[in-house]
Amino acid sequence: MTGVNRIHLAGSVAGSDVGYYFPTTTTLKGLREARTDQWSSINLYNLGTDYTTNVTRNYMNLWFDHGTNPTNGQYAYVLLPGKTSNEVDTYAANPDITVIENSGAAQAVQENALGILAVNFWNDAVKTVSGVTSNKKASVMVRTTENGTEVSVADPTMANTGTIQLTLTQNLGPVVYKDSRITASTSGGTTTLTVNVNGAGGKSIEAYFATPLAGQITGYTVNENFDEMTLGTLTGQDGWIFNNAGVAANTVVVQPDNADNTAKSLKVTTGSTSGSAEAYRLFNAPQGGYITAEATVTVDDANWKNALIVADSSLTSNNNAAHLVMQAGKIWGYNGSTKTDVLTGITNGQPYRLKVVINTSTKKYDVYVNDALLATNWDYRYAVNTLDKFSASIAGNASSMRVDNVKVSYEPLTLVKLINEDFNGMTAGNLNGQNGWVFDNGGIAGNTGIVQTKSGSPNDKAVQLTTTSTSGKAEAYKVFNAPAGSIIMAEATVTADDNNWKNALIVADSSLTSNGSAAHLIMQNGRIWGYNGGTQTNVLTSITNGVPYRLKVVINTATKKFDVYVNGELKASQWNYRYSGVTKVDKVSSSIGGNASSMHVDDVKVSYTP
């Protein structure tokens, strides 16, 4: 078989299909054959008659023919278990991997959707691949998300009795977690890890770095729902650390919240009055602006729980700035040194969304519970100078609580919010006219923009844009006013329901009826792309219909350039306006036109800084 770039094999039962994608078109050989044998051929310890009976099954054998004694022969393929024929075709059209190197010195693959670089270094020699240098045989994985960068190093040979020196030229923030076997140093934008693998038995040894600020004006430095973590002990996962103060009965574990383990949270438990159970995460955020920290906390009993603390990690005591406690049916906190009630009459077993918005310049903070502002201008508990630690803990009593959806974000004091729309306060039905939003159907009644409740979330709403034909359009937009020359941030959470073209996020000049787009992002055929000037350019090459993506553009209206973020990660920088003739930007929109399609839009924000 020649010219092969994908293969699909249908399974004999539902869900047993398998696909193969070949990054480079290749030639394969195949053989369909019936094979007969007995289970006793591979299991000599069962004497049942079933094990000595011939069984015949049909098999497909596929292979690369490298010839006799090949020199520098190579191959590459992606295994796609459980995918249907159509899904294999879709993946092959927009694969999410890139083969970086495939040689005798190193093999490396980038998984673009997950932000993972995996490298096998095959020799005890200095070798660099995609900004990662190793001086020894090693297996290395580097994963970058909006929460930071995780580096994992292993010596699968188990023969190295010394160290592996790893150098990364990637821009990294400060260390938030590292295994005791790692020594880390940073100089001039280069980070060096010296990893002691002697006696490690081939295990992975990890370090985690906070997100670098990298000129971002606003953003998340922690955005953790724990769903991607491994069940069990917390320490080391995504940079989180657990401290039991030396008492083994005190635990923090990642636990399932549903039957299929797709939703997870932290369970914080103390077994006695000794020690503590603390889950904490260091973060990297500009000081002098606003820092917002939030978490969903559920208490299991009436004992004291430090439900949310934001602190200075450099201090071992008296280091808390914002401190909220859940105890005896109420939420209270420290306004300076004064214990002050926030909310009384809370219920054990009921989740509460806690949030503090901290002005690091004035050293004051506001307190929200379930998005309601309940306290303002509280003083720091202690007059600390640097905020870089989020924690939740229990100490002094036998107790437990659950923690989920932890977020820490930052923004400058000069940030002006123009649009902050979650649609939750709107009336279900037609969007047009609500909160200044406009819906335009292009004259086709079947095209709709509807405010609707999200499935399973009666108090959470979004807008569904739907077109029923190739005629007209379904556009939701709102006009805003920002000063000329300012930096404008526009963002929205967009979910595509199908593969058709969707103008997921556009920032434009409302005075122009055509050629008015400055920033323009599209979701189509399993990818996110946009216009860098007049050039169509990929942003993310593998997305899934039905999954929400957080899109954000940061626009410099003075230079007419913008950066693109997806789910908090910088994916493109210094793109040019789609149309250079645009002189102002004052309109944010999402739309569909030219095809029958639908998408959901939520949490639209527009802000600027002078």
Foldseek 3Di string as FASTA:
>chain_A
DFQDQKDWDDDPDAQFIKMKGFPDGGDKDKDKDKDKDFLCVVPVPDPDPNRHDIDIDIDMDMDDPQDPPHDFDDGDMDMGGRDDPVRRVLCNVFPQKDFQDDGQQKTWMARRVQQKIWMFGNAQDWDDTPQKTKNGGWIWMWTQALQFIKIKIWDQVLPDQAWIKMKGLAQFAAWLDFDPQWDWDDDPSMIIIIGRHHPVNGDIGMTTTWHDCVPDQKFWRDWFQLQPPDWFADDPPSSKHKDQQPDPQWGWTWDAPDDVSNGIWIKTWDAFQDGKIKIKTFTDDDAQFKKKKKWKKAWQDAAKKFAKFWFDPVDPPLTTFWTWIHHRQFIWTDLQQDIGTQGGRHDHPDIKMWMWIARRNVSFIWIDIPNHTRGGGRHTNHPDRDTTMMMIMDHRGGTMMIIGGIIMMTHGNQKFWWDWFQLLPPDWFAPDPPPQKHWWQQPDPQWGWTWDDDPPGNSGIWIKTWDAFQDGKTKIKHFTDDDAQWKKKKKWKKAWQDADKKFAKFWFDPVDPPLTTLWTWIHHSQFIWTDLQQDIGGQRRGDDHPDIKMWMWIARNVVSFIWIDINSHTRGGGGHGNHPPHNDTTMMMIMDHRGGTMMIIGGIIMMIGD
